[in-house]
Amino acid sequence: THHFRLAPFAPDEVADYVDFRMRAAGY
């Protein structure tokens, strides 16, 4: 009854993702 699709990140989303992971690791 529900279909979800995980699409690849857009370029600007990659920048936010990388910065998020750095700060989650203590940076």
mmCIF file of all heavy atoms, coordinates in Angstrom:
data_MODEL
# 
_entry.id   MODEL 
# 
loop_
_atom_site.group_PDB 
_atom_site.id 
_atom_site.type_symbol 
_atom_site.label_atom_id 
_atom_site.label_alt_id 
_atom_site.label_comp_id 
_atom_site.label_asym_id 
_atom_site.label_entity_id 
_atom_site.label_seq_id 
_atom_site.pdbx_PDB_ins_code 
_atom_site.Cartn_x 
_atom_site.Cartn_y 
_atom_site.Cartn_z 
_atom_site.occupancy 
_atom_site.B_iso_or_equiv 
_atom_site.pdbx_formal_charge 
_atom_site.auth_seq_id 
_atom_site.auth_comp_id 
_atom_site.auth_asym_id 
_atom_site.auth_atom_id 
_atom_site.pdbx_PDB_model_num 
ATOM 1   N N   . THR A 1 1  ? 0.808  -1.226 0.000  1.00 0.00 ? 1  THR A N   1 
ATOM 2   C CA  . THR A 1 1  ? 0.000  0.000  0.000  1.00 0.00 ? 1  THR A CA  1 
ATOM 3   C C   . THR A 1 1  ? 0.835  1.266  0.000  1.00 0.00 ? 1  THR A C   1 
ATOM 4   O O   . THR A 1 1  ? 0.315  2.348  -0.288 1.00 0.00 ? 1  THR A O   1 
ATOM 5   C CB  . THR A 1 1  ? -0.926 0.010  1.228  1.00 0.00 ? 1  THR A CB  1 
ATOM 6   O OG1 . THR A 1 1  ? -0.144 -0.103 2.417  1.00 0.00 ? 1  THR A OG1 1 
ATOM 7   C CG2 . THR A 1 1  ? -1.910 -1.147 1.156  1.00 0.00 ? 1  THR A CG2 1 
ATOM 8   N N   . HIS A 1 2  ? 2.126  1.165  0.363  1.00 0.00 ? 2  HIS A N   1 
ATOM 9   C CA  . HIS A 1 2  ? 2.995  2.348  0.391  1.00 0.00 ? 2  HIS A CA  1 
ATOM 10  C C   . HIS A 1 2  ? 4.321  2.006  -0.292 1.00 0.00 ? 2  HIS A C   1 
ATOM 11  O O   . HIS A 1 2  ? 4.946  0.984  0.021  1.00 0.00 ? 2  HIS A O   1 
ATOM 12  C CB  . HIS A 1 2  ? 3.265  2.807  1.826  1.00 0.00 ? 2  HIS A CB  1 
ATOM 13  C CG  . HIS A 1 2  ? 2.054  3.345  2.526  1.00 0.00 ? 2  HIS A CG  1 
ATOM 14  N ND1 . HIS A 1 2  ? 1.583  4.622  2.333  1.00 0.00 ? 2  HIS A ND1 1 
ATOM 15  C CD2 . HIS A 1 2  ? 1.205  2.761  3.412  1.00 0.00 ? 2  HIS A CD2 1 
ATOM 16  C CE1 . HIS A 1 2  ? 0.506  4.814  3.072  1.00 0.00 ? 2  HIS A CE1 1 
ATOM 17  N NE2 . HIS A 1 2  ? 0.258  3.685  3.741  1.00 0.00 ? 2  HIS A NE2 1 
ATOM 18  N N   . HIS A 1 3  ? 4.733  2.876  -1.202 1.00 0.00 ? 3  HIS A N   1 
ATOM 19  C CA  . HIS A 1 3  ? 6.001  2.714  -1.903 1.00 0.00 ? 3  HIS A CA  1 
ATOM 20  C C   . HIS A 1 3  ? 6.867  3.939  -1.612 1.00 0.00 ? 3  HIS A C   1 
ATOM 21  O O   . HIS A 1 3  ? 6.464  5.066  -1.905 1.00 0.00 ? 3  HIS A O   1 
ATOM 22  C CB  . HIS A 1 3  ? 5.785  2.591  -3.416 1.00 0.00 ? 3  HIS A CB  1 
ATOM 23  C CG  . HIS A 1 3  ? 4.878  1.471  -3.813 1.00 0.00 ? 3  HIS A CG  1 
ATOM 24  N ND1 . HIS A 1 3  ? 5.338  0.277  -4.302 1.00 0.00 ? 3  HIS A ND1 1 
ATOM 25  C CD2 . HIS A 1 3  ? 3.509  1.364  -3.790 1.00 0.00 ? 3  HIS A CD2 1 
ATOM 26  C CE1 . HIS A 1 3  ? 4.314  -0.516 -4.573 1.00 0.00 ? 3  HIS A CE1 1 
ATOM 27  N NE2 . HIS A 1 3  ? 3.196  0.118  -4.270 1.00 0.00 ? 3  HIS A NE2 1 
ATOM 28  N N   . PHE A 1 4  ? 8.062  3.725  -1.040 1.00 0.00 ? 4  PHE A N   1 
ATOM 29  C CA  . PHE A 1 4  ? 9.003  4.811  -0.780 1.00 0.00 ? 4  PHE A CA  1 
ATOM 30  C C   . PHE A 1 4  ? 10.271 4.572  -1.600 1.00 0.00 ? 4  PHE A C   1 
ATOM 31  O O   . PHE A 1 4  ? 10.740 3.431  -1.706 1.00 0.00 ? 4  PHE A O   1 
ATOM 32  C CB  . PHE A 1 4  ? 9.368  4.883  0.701  1.00 0.00 ? 4  PHE A CB  1 
ATOM 33  C CG  . PHE A 1 4  ? 8.208  5.235  1.591  1.00 0.00 ? 4  PHE A CG  1 
ATOM 34  C CD1 . PHE A 1 4  ? 7.437  4.236  2.170  1.00 0.00 ? 4  PHE A CD1 1 
ATOM 35  C CD2 . PHE A 1 4  ? 7.875  6.554  1.845  1.00 0.00 ? 4  PHE A CD2 1 
ATOM 36  C CE1 . PHE A 1 4  ? 6.361  4.544  2.998  1.00 0.00 ? 4  PHE A CE1 1 
ATOM 37  C CE2 . PHE A 1 4  ? 6.807  6.878  2.660  1.00 0.00 ? 4  PHE A CE2 1 
ATOM 38  C CZ  . PHE A 1 4  ? 6.051  5.873  3.239  1.00 0.00 ? 4  PHE A CZ  1 
ATOM 39  N N   . ARG A 1 5  ? 10.827 5.657  -2.139 1.00 0.00 ? 5  ARG A N   1 
ATOM 40  C CA  . ARG A 1 5  ? 12.043 5.567  -2.946 1.00 0.00 ? 5  ARG A CA  1 
ATOM 41  C C   . ARG A 1 5  ? 13.107 6.474  -2.354 1.00 0.00 ? 5  ARG A C   1 
ATOM 42  O O   . ARG A 1 5  ? 12.869 7.669  -2.153 1.00 0.00 ? 5  ARG A O   1 
ATOM 43  C CB  . ARG A 1 5  ? 11.736 5.995  -4.381 1.00 0.00 ? 5  ARG A CB  1 
ATOM 44  C CG  . ARG A 1 5  ? 12.939 6.126  -5.276 1.00 0.00 ? 5  ARG A CG  1 
ATOM 45  C CD  . ARG A 1 5  ? 13.379 4.790  -5.794 1.00 0.00 ? 5  ARG A CD  1 
ATOM 46  N NE  . ARG A 1 5  ? 14.442 4.914  -6.788 1.00 0.00 ? 5  ARG A NE  1 
ATOM 47  C CZ  . ARG A 1 5  ? 15.085 3.891  -7.315 1.00 0.00 ? 5  ARG A CZ  1 
ATOM 48  N NH1 . ARG A 1 5  ? 14.755 2.662  -6.957 1.00 0.00 ? 5  ARG A NH1 1 
ATOM 49  N NH2 . ARG A 1 5  ? 16.043 4.064  -8.191 1.00 0.00 ? 5  ARG A NH2 1 
ATOM 50  N N   . LEU A 1 6  ? 14.284 5.911  -2.025 1.00 0.00 ? 6  LEU A N   1 
ATOM 51  C CA  . LEU A 1 6  ? 15.409 6.710  -1.538 1.00 0.00 ? 6  LEU A CA  1 
ATOM 52  C C   . LEU A 1 6  ? 16.221 7.176  -2.735 1.00 0.00 ? 6  LEU A C   1 
ATOM 53  O O   . LEU A 1 6  ? 16.981 6.405  -3.328 1.00 0.00 ? 6  LEU A O   1 
ATOM 54  C CB  . LEU A 1 6  ? 16.281 5.885  -0.585 1.00 0.00 ? 6  LEU A CB  1 
ATOM 55  C CG  . LEU A 1 6  ? 15.656 5.483  0.751  1.00 0.00 ? 6  LEU A CG  1 
ATOM 56  C CD1 . LEU A 1 6  ? 16.675 4.745  1.603  1.00 0.00 ? 6  LEU A CD1 1 
ATOM 57  C CD2 . LEU A 1 6  ? 15.116 6.698  1.495  1.00 0.00 ? 6  LEU A CD2 1 
ATOM 58  N N   . ALA A 1 7  ? 16.046 8.454  -3.088 1.00 0.00 ? 7  ALA A N   1 
ATOM 59  C CA  . ALA A 1 7  ? 16.748 8.999  -4.247 1.00 0.00 ? 7  ALA A CA  1 
ATOM 60  C C   . ALA A 1 7  ? 18.169 9.395  -3.851 1.00 0.00 ? 7  ALA A C   1 
ATOM 61  O O   . ALA A 1 7  ? 18.447 9.711  -2.676 1.00 0.00 ? 7  ALA A O   1 
ATOM 62  C CB  . ALA A 1 7  ? 16.006 10.214 -4.784 1.00 0.00 ? 7  ALA A CB  1 
ATOM 63  N N   . PRO A 1 8  ? 19.132 9.402  -4.786 1.00 0.00 ? 8  PRO A N   1 
ATOM 64  C CA  . PRO A 1 8  ? 20.494 9.883  -4.486 1.00 0.00 ? 8  PRO A CA  1 
ATOM 65  C C   . PRO A 1 8  ? 20.473 11.342 -4.052 1.00 0.00 ? 8  PRO A C   1 
ATOM 66  O O   . PRO A 1 8  ? 19.560 12.105 -4.394 1.00 0.00 ? 8  PRO A O   1 
ATOM 67  C CB  . PRO A 1 8  ? 21.234 9.699  -5.816 1.00 0.00 ? 8  PRO A CB  1 
ATOM 68  C CG  . PRO A 1 8  ? 20.447 8.667  -6.569 1.00 0.00 ? 8  PRO A CG  1 
ATOM 69  C CD  . PRO A 1 8  ? 19.009 8.892  -6.172 1.00 0.00 ? 8  PRO A CD  1 
ATOM 70  N N   . PHE A 1 9  ? 21.487 11.755 -3.317 1.00 0.00 ? 9  PHE A N   1 
ATOM 71  C CA  . PHE A 1 9  ? 21.605 13.129 -2.856 1.00 0.00 ? 9  PHE A CA  1 
ATOM 72  C C   . PHE A 1 9  ? 21.881 14.066 -4.037 1.00 0.00 ? 9  PHE A C   1 
ATOM 73  O O   . PHE A 1 9  ? 22.632 13.721 -4.961 1.00 0.00 ? 9  PHE A O   1 
ATOM 74  C CB  . PHE A 1 9  ? 22.750 13.284 -1.862 1.00 0.00 ? 9  PHE A CB  1 
ATOM 75  C CG  . PHE A 1 9  ? 22.472 12.687 -0.504 1.00 0.00 ? 9  PHE A CG  1 
ATOM 76  C CD1 . PHE A 1 9  ? 23.436 12.703 0.486  1.00 0.00 ? 9  PHE A CD1 1 
ATOM 77  C CD2 . PHE A 1 9  ? 21.251 12.107 -0.211 1.00 0.00 ? 9  PHE A CD2 1 
ATOM 78  C CE1 . PHE A 1 9  ? 23.198 12.160 1.729  1.00 0.00 ? 9  PHE A CE1 1 
ATOM 79  C CE2 . PHE A 1 9  ? 20.997 11.551 1.029  1.00 0.00 ? 9  PHE A CE2 1 
ATOM 80  C CZ  . PHE A 1 9  ? 21.980 11.590 2.003  1.00 0.00 ? 9  PHE A CZ  1 
ATOM 81  N N   . ALA A 1 10 ? 21.322 15.264 -3.979 1.00 0.00 ? 10 ALA A N   1 
ATOM 82  C CA  . ALA A 1 10 ? 21.701 16.338 -4.890 1.00 0.00 ? 10 ALA A CA  1 
ATOM 83  C C   . ALA A 1 10 ? 23.030 16.934 -4.409 1.00 0.00 ? 10 ALA A C   1 
ATOM 84  O O   . ALA A 1 10 ? 23.415 16.757 -3.241 1.00 0.00 ? 10 ALA A O   1 
ATOM 85  C CB  . ALA A 1 10 ? 20.616 17.417 -4.912 1.00 0.00 ? 10 ALA A CB  1 
ATOM 86  N N   . PRO A 1 11 ? 23.770 17.651 -5.268 1.00 0.00 ? 11 PRO A N   1 
ATOM 87  C CA  . PRO A 1 11 ? 25.080 18.209 -4.869 1.00 0.00 ? 11 PRO A CA  1 
ATOM 88  C C   . PRO A 1 11 ? 25.026 19.057 -3.601 1.00 0.00 ? 11 PRO A C   1 
ATOM 89  O O   . PRO A 1 11 ? 25.900 18.947 -2.737 1.00 0.00 ? 11 PRO A O   1 
ATOM 90  C CB  . PRO A 1 11 ? 25.500 19.029 -6.092 1.00 0.00 ? 11 PRO A CB  1 
ATOM 91  C CG  . PRO A 1 11 ? 24.852 18.320 -7.244 1.00 0.00 ? 11 PRO A CG  1 
ATOM 92  C CD  . PRO A 1 11 ? 23.530 17.844 -6.715 1.00 0.00 ? 11 PRO A CD  1 
ATOM 93  N N   . ASP A 1 12 ? 24.008 19.937 -3.468 1.00 0.00 ? 12 ASP A N   1 
ATOM 94  C CA  . ASP A 1 12 ? 23.938 20.763 -2.261 1.00 0.00 ? 12 ASP A CA  1 
ATOM 95  C C   . ASP A 1 12 ? 23.622 19.922 -1.033 1.00 0.00 ? 12 ASP A C   1 
ATOM 96  O O   . ASP A 1 12 ? 24.042 20.252 0.088  1.00 0.00 ? 12 ASP A O   1 
ATOM 97  C CB  . ASP A 1 12 ? 22.900 21.872 -2.436 1.00 0.00 ? 12 ASP A CB  1 
ATOM 98  C CG  . ASP A 1 12 ? 21.508 21.322 -2.727 1.00 0.00 ? 12 ASP A CG  1 
ATOM 99  O OD1 . ASP A 1 12 ? 21.404 20.279 -3.397 1.00 0.00 ? 12 ASP A OD1 1 
ATOM 100 O OD2 . ASP A 1 12 ? 20.518 21.938 -2.275 1.00 0.00 ? 12 ASP A OD2 1 
ATOM 101 N N   . GLU A 1 13 ? 22.894 18.827 -1.214 1.00 0.00 ? 13 GLU A N   1 
ATOM 102 C CA  . GLU A 1 13 ? 22.610 17.936 -0.090 1.00 0.00 ? 13 GLU A CA  1 
ATOM 103 C C   . GLU A 1 13 ? 23.864 17.181 0.340  1.00 0.00 ? 13 GLU A C   1 
ATOM 104 O O   . GLU A 1 13 ? 24.024 16.875 1.530  1.00 0.00 ? 13 GLU A O   1 
ATOM 105 C CB  . GLU A 1 13 ? 21.504 16.956 -0.481 1.00 0.00 ? 13 GLU A CB  1 
ATOM 106 C CG  . GLU A 1 13 ? 20.155 17.624 -0.702 1.00 0.00 ? 13 GLU A CG  1 
ATOM 107 C CD  . GLU A 1 13 ? 19.134 16.711 -1.348 1.00 0.00 ? 13 GLU A CD  1 
ATOM 108 O OE1 . GLU A 1 13 ? 19.528 15.692 -1.969 1.00 0.00 ? 13 GLU A OE1 1 
ATOM 109 O OE2 . GLU A 1 13 ? 17.928 17.018 -1.236 1.00 0.00 ? 13 GLU A OE2 1 
ATOM 110 N N   . VAL A 1 14 ? 24.751 16.890 -0.601 1.00 0.00 ? 14 VAL A N   1 
ATOM 111 C CA  . VAL A 1 14 ? 26.021 16.241 -0.249 1.00 0.00 ? 14 VAL A CA  1 
ATOM 112 C C   . VAL A 1 14 ? 26.833 17.141 0.669  1.00 0.00 ? 14 VAL A C   1 
ATOM 113 O O   . VAL A 1 14 ? 27.408 16.678 1.664  1.00 0.00 ? 14 VAL A O   1 
ATOM 114 C CB  . VAL A 1 14 ? 26.824 15.897 -1.522 1.00 0.00 ? 14 VAL A CB  1 
ATOM 115 C CG1 . VAL A 1 14 ? 28.225 15.413 -1.156 1.00 0.00 ? 14 VAL A CG1 1 
ATOM 116 C CG2 . VAL A 1 14 ? 26.099 14.827 -2.331 1.00 0.00 ? 14 VAL A CG2 1 
ATOM 117 N N   . ALA A 1 15 ? 26.874 18.436 0.372  1.00 0.00 ? 15 ALA A N   1 
ATOM 118 C CA  . ALA A 1 15 ? 27.617 19.373 1.224  1.00 0.00 ? 15 ALA A CA  1 
ATOM 119 C C   . ALA A 1 15 ? 27.055 19.381 2.641  1.00 0.00 ? 15 ALA A C   1 
ATOM 120 O O   . ALA A 1 15 ? 27.813 19.346 3.629  1.00 0.00 ? 15 ALA A O   1 
ATOM 121 C CB  . ALA A 1 15 ? 27.575 20.773 0.618  1.00 0.00 ? 15 ALA A CB  1 
ATOM 122 N N   . ASP A 1 16 ? 25.732 19.418 2.773  1.00 0.00 ? 16 ASP A N   1 
ATOM 123 C CA  . ASP A 1 16 ? 25.112 19.408 4.108  1.00 0.00 ? 16 ASP A CA  1 
ATOM 124 C C   . ASP A 1 16 ? 25.371 18.085 4.815  1.00 0.00 ? 16 ASP A C   1 
ATOM 125 O O   . ASP A 1 16 ? 25.618 18.055 6.032  1.00 0.00 ? 16 ASP A O   1 
ATOM 126 C CB  . ASP A 1 16 ? 23.604 19.643 3.981  1.00 0.00 ? 16 ASP A CB  1 
ATOM 127 C CG  . ASP A 1 16 ? 23.269 21.043 3.489  1.00 0.00 ? 16 ASP A CG  1 
ATOM 128 O OD1 . ASP A 1 16 ? 24.122 21.937 3.617  1.00 0.00 ? 16 ASP A OD1 1 
ATOM 129 O OD2 . ASP A 1 16 ? 22.156 21.236 2.958  1.00 0.00 ? 16 ASP A OD2 1 
ATOM 130 N N   . TYR A 1 17 ? 25.320 16.991 4.076  1.00 0.00 ? 17 TYR A N   1 
ATOM 131 C CA  . TYR A 1 17 ? 25.533 15.666 4.667  1.00 0.00 ? 17 TYR A CA  1 
ATOM 132 C C   . TYR A 1 17 ? 26.953 15.527 5.215  1.00 0.00 ? 17 TYR A C   1 
ATOM 133 O O   . TYR A 1 17 ? 27.157 15.073 6.349  1.00 0.00 ? 17 TYR A O   1 
ATOM 134 C CB  . TYR A 1 17 ? 25.270 14.595 3.612  1.00 0.00 ? 17 TYR A CB  1 
ATOM 135 C CG  . TYR A 1 17 ? 25.639 13.182 4.034  1.00 0.00 ? 17 TYR A CG  1 
ATOM 136 C CD1 . TYR A 1 17 ? 24.817 12.458 4.887  1.00 0.00 ? 17 TYR A CD1 1 
ATOM 137 C CD2 . TYR A 1 17 ? 26.815 12.578 3.582  1.00 0.00 ? 17 TYR A CD2 1 
ATOM 138 C CE1 . TYR A 1 17 ? 25.147 11.167 5.281  1.00 0.00 ? 17 TYR A CE1 1 
ATOM 139 C CE2 . TYR A 1 17 ? 27.149 11.295 3.974  1.00 0.00 ? 17 TYR A CE2 1 
ATOM 140 C CZ  . TYR A 1 17 ? 26.318 10.599 4.819  1.00 0.00 ? 17 TYR A CZ  1 
ATOM 141 O OH  . TYR A 1 17 ? 26.663 9.318  5.212  1.00 0.00 ? 17 TYR A OH  1 
ATOM 142 N N   . VAL A 1 18 ? 27.940 15.934 4.423  1.00 0.00 ? 18 VAL A N   1 
ATOM 143 C CA  . VAL A 1 18 ? 29.334 15.802 4.844  1.00 0.00 ? 18 VAL A CA  1 
ATOM 144 C C   . VAL A 1 18 ? 29.595 16.654 6.082  1.00 0.00 ? 18 VAL A C   1 
ATOM 145 O O   . VAL A 1 18 ? 30.237 16.207 7.045  1.00 0.00 ? 18 VAL A O   1 
ATOM 146 C CB  . VAL A 1 18 ? 30.277 16.196 3.692  1.00 0.00 ? 18 VAL A CB  1 
ATOM 147 C CG1 . VAL A 1 18 ? 31.707 16.343 4.189  1.00 0.00 ? 18 VAL A CG1 1 
ATOM 148 C CG2 . VAL A 1 18 ? 30.216 15.166 2.570  1.00 0.00 ? 18 VAL A CG2 1 
ATOM 149 N N   . ASP A 1 19 ? 29.089 17.883 6.094  1.00 0.00 ? 19 ASP A N   1 
ATOM 150 C CA  . ASP A 1 19 ? 29.290 18.750 7.254  1.00 0.00 ? 19 ASP A CA  1 
ATOM 151 C C   . ASP A 1 19 ? 28.582 18.186 8.478  1.00 0.00 ? 19 ASP A C   1 
ATOM 152 O O   . ASP A 1 19 ? 29.121 18.230 9.600  1.00 0.00 ? 19 ASP A O   1 
ATOM 153 C CB  . ASP A 1 19 ? 28.780 20.157 6.939  1.00 0.00 ? 19 ASP A CB  1 
ATOM 154 C CG  . ASP A 1 19 ? 29.114 21.158 8.033  1.00 0.00 ? 19 ASP A CG  1 
ATOM 155 O OD1 . ASP A 1 19 ? 30.317 21.351 8.316  1.00 0.00 ? 19 ASP A OD1 1 
ATOM 156 O OD2 . ASP A 1 19 ? 28.186 21.746 8.617  1.00 0.00 ? 19 ASP A OD2 1 
ATOM 157 N N   . PHE A 1 20 ? 27.377 17.630 8.287  1.00 0.00 ? 20 PHE A N   1 
ATOM 158 C CA  . PHE A 1 20 ? 26.654 17.019 9.409  1.00 0.00 ? 20 PHE A CA  1 
ATOM 159 C C   . PHE A 1 20 ? 27.451 15.875 10.020 1.00 0.00 ? 20 PHE A C   1 
ATOM 160 O O   . PHE A 1 20 ? 27.573 15.768 11.248 1.00 0.00 ? 20 PHE A O   1 
ATOM 161 C CB  . PHE A 1 20 ? 25.287 16.519 8.942  1.00 0.00 ? 20 PHE A CB  1 
ATOM 162 C CG  . PHE A 1 20 ? 24.632 15.565 9.900  1.00 0.00 ? 20 PHE A CG  1 
ATOM 163 C CD1 . PHE A 1 20 ? 23.990 16.033 11.035 1.00 0.00 ? 20 PHE A CD1 1 
ATOM 164 C CD2 . PHE A 1 20 ? 24.689 14.195 9.686  1.00 0.00 ? 20 PHE A CD2 1 
ATOM 165 C CE1 . PHE A 1 20 ? 23.408 15.152 11.935 1.00 0.00 ? 20 PHE A CE1 1 
ATOM 166 C CE2 . PHE A 1 20 ? 24.109 13.309 10.580 1.00 0.00 ? 20 PHE A CE2 1 
ATOM 167 C CZ  . PHE A 1 20 ? 23.466 13.793 11.711 1.00 0.00 ? 20 PHE A CZ  1 
ATOM 168 N N   . ARG A 1 21 ? 28.005 15.001 9.180  1.00 0.00 ? 21 ARG A N   1 
ATOM 169 C CA  . ARG A 1 21 ? 28.759 13.854 9.706  1.00 0.00 ? 21 ARG A CA  1 
ATOM 170 C C   . ARG A 1 21 ? 30.005 14.311 10.456 1.00 0.00 ? 21 ARG A C   1 
ATOM 171 O O   . ARG A 1 21 ? 30.364 13.724 11.488 1.00 0.00 ? 21 ARG A O   1 
ATOM 172 C CB  . ARG A 1 21 ? 29.145 12.922 8.564  1.00 0.00 ? 21 ARG A CB  1 
ATOM 173 C CG  . ARG A 1 21 ? 27.996 12.287 7.802  1.00 0.00 ? 21 ARG A CG  1 
ATOM 174 C CD  . ARG A 1 21 ? 27.428 11.067 8.483  1.00 0.00 ? 21 ARG A CD  1 
ATOM 175 N NE  . ARG A 1 21 ? 28.320 9.970  8.641  1.00 0.00 ? 21 ARG A NE  1 
ATOM 176 C CZ  . ARG A 1 21 ? 27.970 8.687  8.548  1.00 0.00 ? 21 ARG A CZ  1 
ATOM 177 N NH1 . ARG A 1 21 ? 26.729 8.374  8.209  1.00 0.00 ? 21 ARG A NH1 1 
ATOM 178 N NH2 . ARG A 1 21 ? 28.828 7.718  8.766  1.00 0.00 ? 21 ARG A NH2 1 
ATOM 179 N N   . MET A 1 22 ? 30.683 15.336 9.959  1.00 0.00 ? 22 MET A N   1 
ATOM 180 C CA  . MET A 1 22 ? 31.861 15.854 10.648 1.00 0.00 ? 22 MET A CA  1 
ATOM 181 C C   . MET A 1 22 ? 31.493 16.348 12.046 1.00 0.00 ? 22 MET A C   1 
ATOM 182 O O   . MET A 1 22 ? 32.183 16.050 13.027 1.00 0.00 ? 22 MET A O   1 
ATOM 183 C CB  . MET A 1 22 ? 32.488 16.983 9.844  1.00 0.00 ? 22 MET A CB  1 
ATOM 184 C CG  . MET A 1 22 ? 33.183 16.551 8.558  1.00 0.00 ? 22 MET A CG  1 
ATOM 185 S SD  . MET A 1 22 ? 34.736 15.649 8.858  1.00 0.00 ? 22 MET A SD  1 
ATOM 186 C CE  . MET A 1 22 ? 35.774 16.949 9.515  1.00 0.00 ? 22 MET A CE  1 
ATOM 187 N N   . ARG A 1 23 ? 30.410 17.077 12.146 1.00 0.00 ? 23 ARG A N   1 
ATOM 188 C CA  . ARG A 1 23 ? 30.038 17.644 13.446 1.00 0.00 ? 23 ARG A CA  1 
ATOM 189 C C   . ARG A 1 23 ? 29.457 16.574 14.372 1.00 0.00 ? 23 ARG A C   1 
ATOM 190 O O   . ARG A 1 23 ? 29.629 16.662 15.598 1.00 0.00 ? 23 ARG A O   1 
ATOM 191 C CB  . ARG A 1 23 ? 29.063 18.796 13.239 1.00 0.00 ? 23 ARG A CB  1 
ATOM 192 C CG  . ARG A 1 23 ? 29.721 19.914 12.415 1.00 0.00 ? 23 ARG A CG  1 
ATOM 193 C CD  . ARG A 1 23 ? 28.930 21.187 12.304 1.00 0.00 ? 23 ARG A CD  1 
ATOM 194 N NE  . ARG A 1 23 ? 29.616 22.081 11.373 1.00 0.00 ? 23 ARG A NE  1 
ATOM 195 C CZ  . ARG A 1 23 ? 30.693 22.798 11.670 1.00 0.00 ? 23 ARG A CZ  1 
ATOM 196 N NH1 . ARG A 1 23 ? 31.197 22.740 12.890 1.00 0.00 ? 23 ARG A NH1 1 
ATOM 197 N NH2 . ARG A 1 23 ? 31.259 23.569 10.771 1.00 0.00 ? 23 ARG A NH2 1 
ATOM 198 N N   . ALA A 1 24 ? 28.805 15.567 13.814 1.00 0.00 ? 24 ALA A N   1 
ATOM 199 C CA  . ALA A 1 24 ? 28.335 14.454 14.640 1.00 0.00 ? 24 ALA A CA  1 
ATOM 200 C C   . ALA A 1 24 ? 29.511 13.691 15.238 1.00 0.00 ? 24 ALA A C   1 
ATOM 201 O O   . ALA A 1 24 ? 29.373 13.060 16.290 1.00 0.00 ? 24 ALA A O   1 
ATOM 202 C CB  . ALA A 1 24 ? 27.464 13.517 13.809 1.00 0.00 ? 24 ALA A CB  1 
ATOM 203 N N   . ALA A 1 25 ? 30.678 13.760 14.581 1.00 0.00 ? 25 ALA A N   1 
ATOM 204 C CA  . ALA A 1 25 ? 31.873 13.080 15.072 1.00 0.00 ? 25 ALA A CA  1 
ATOM 205 C C   . ALA A 1 25 ? 32.703 13.953 16.009 1.00 0.00 ? 25 ALA A C   1 
ATOM 206 O O   . ALA A 1 25 ? 33.774 13.546 16.437 1.00 0.00 ? 25 ALA A O   1 
ATOM 207 C CB  . ALA A 1 25 ? 32.743 12.637 13.893 1.00 0.00 ? 25 ALA A CB  1 
ATOM 208 N N   . GLY A 1 26 ? 32.215 15.177 16.304 1.00 0.00 ? 26 GLY A N   1 
ATOM 209 C CA  . GLY A 1 26 ? 32.890 16.011 17.289 1.00 0.00 ? 26 GLY A CA  1 
ATOM 210 C C   . GLY A 1 26 ? 33.604 17.222 16.738 1.00 0.00 ? 26 GLY A C   1 
ATOM 211 O O   . GLY A 1 26 ? 34.182 17.999 17.510 1.00 0.00 ? 26 GLY A O   1 
ATOM 212 N N   . TYR A 1 27 ? 33.580 17.444 15.424 1.00 0.00 ? 27 TYR A N   1 
ATOM 213 C CA  . TYR A 1 27 ? 34.294 18.590 14.851 1.00 0.00 ? 27 TYR A CA  1 
ATOM 214 C C   . TYR A 1 27 ? 33.540 19.872 15.183 1.00 0.00 ? 27 TYR A C   1 
ATOM 215 O O   . TYR A 1 27 ? 32.320 19.920 15.125 1.00 0.00 ? 27 TYR A O   1 
ATOM 216 C CB  . TYR A 1 27 ? 34.429 18.425 13.335 1.00 0.00 ? 27 TYR A CB  1 
ATOM 217 C CG  . TYR A 1 27 ? 35.133 19.591 12.665 1.00 0.00 ? 27 TYR A CG  1 
ATOM 218 C CD1 . TYR A 1 27 ? 36.495 19.790 12.843 1.00 0.00 ? 27 TYR A CD1 1 
ATOM 219 C CD2 . TYR A 1 27 ? 34.429 20.484 11.868 1.00 0.00 ? 27 TYR A CD2 1 
ATOM 220 C CE1 . TYR A 1 27 ? 37.134 20.861 12.241 1.00 0.00 ? 27 TYR A CE1 1 
ATOM 221 C CE2 . TYR A 1 27 ? 35.060 21.549 11.259 1.00 0.00 ? 27 TYR A CE2 1 
ATOM 222 C CZ  . TYR A 1 27 ? 36.417 21.734 11.446 1.00 0.00 ? 27 TYR A CZ  1 
ATOM 223 O OH  . TYR A 1 27 ? 37.051 22.790 10.854 1.00 0.00 ? 27 TYR A OH  1 
# 
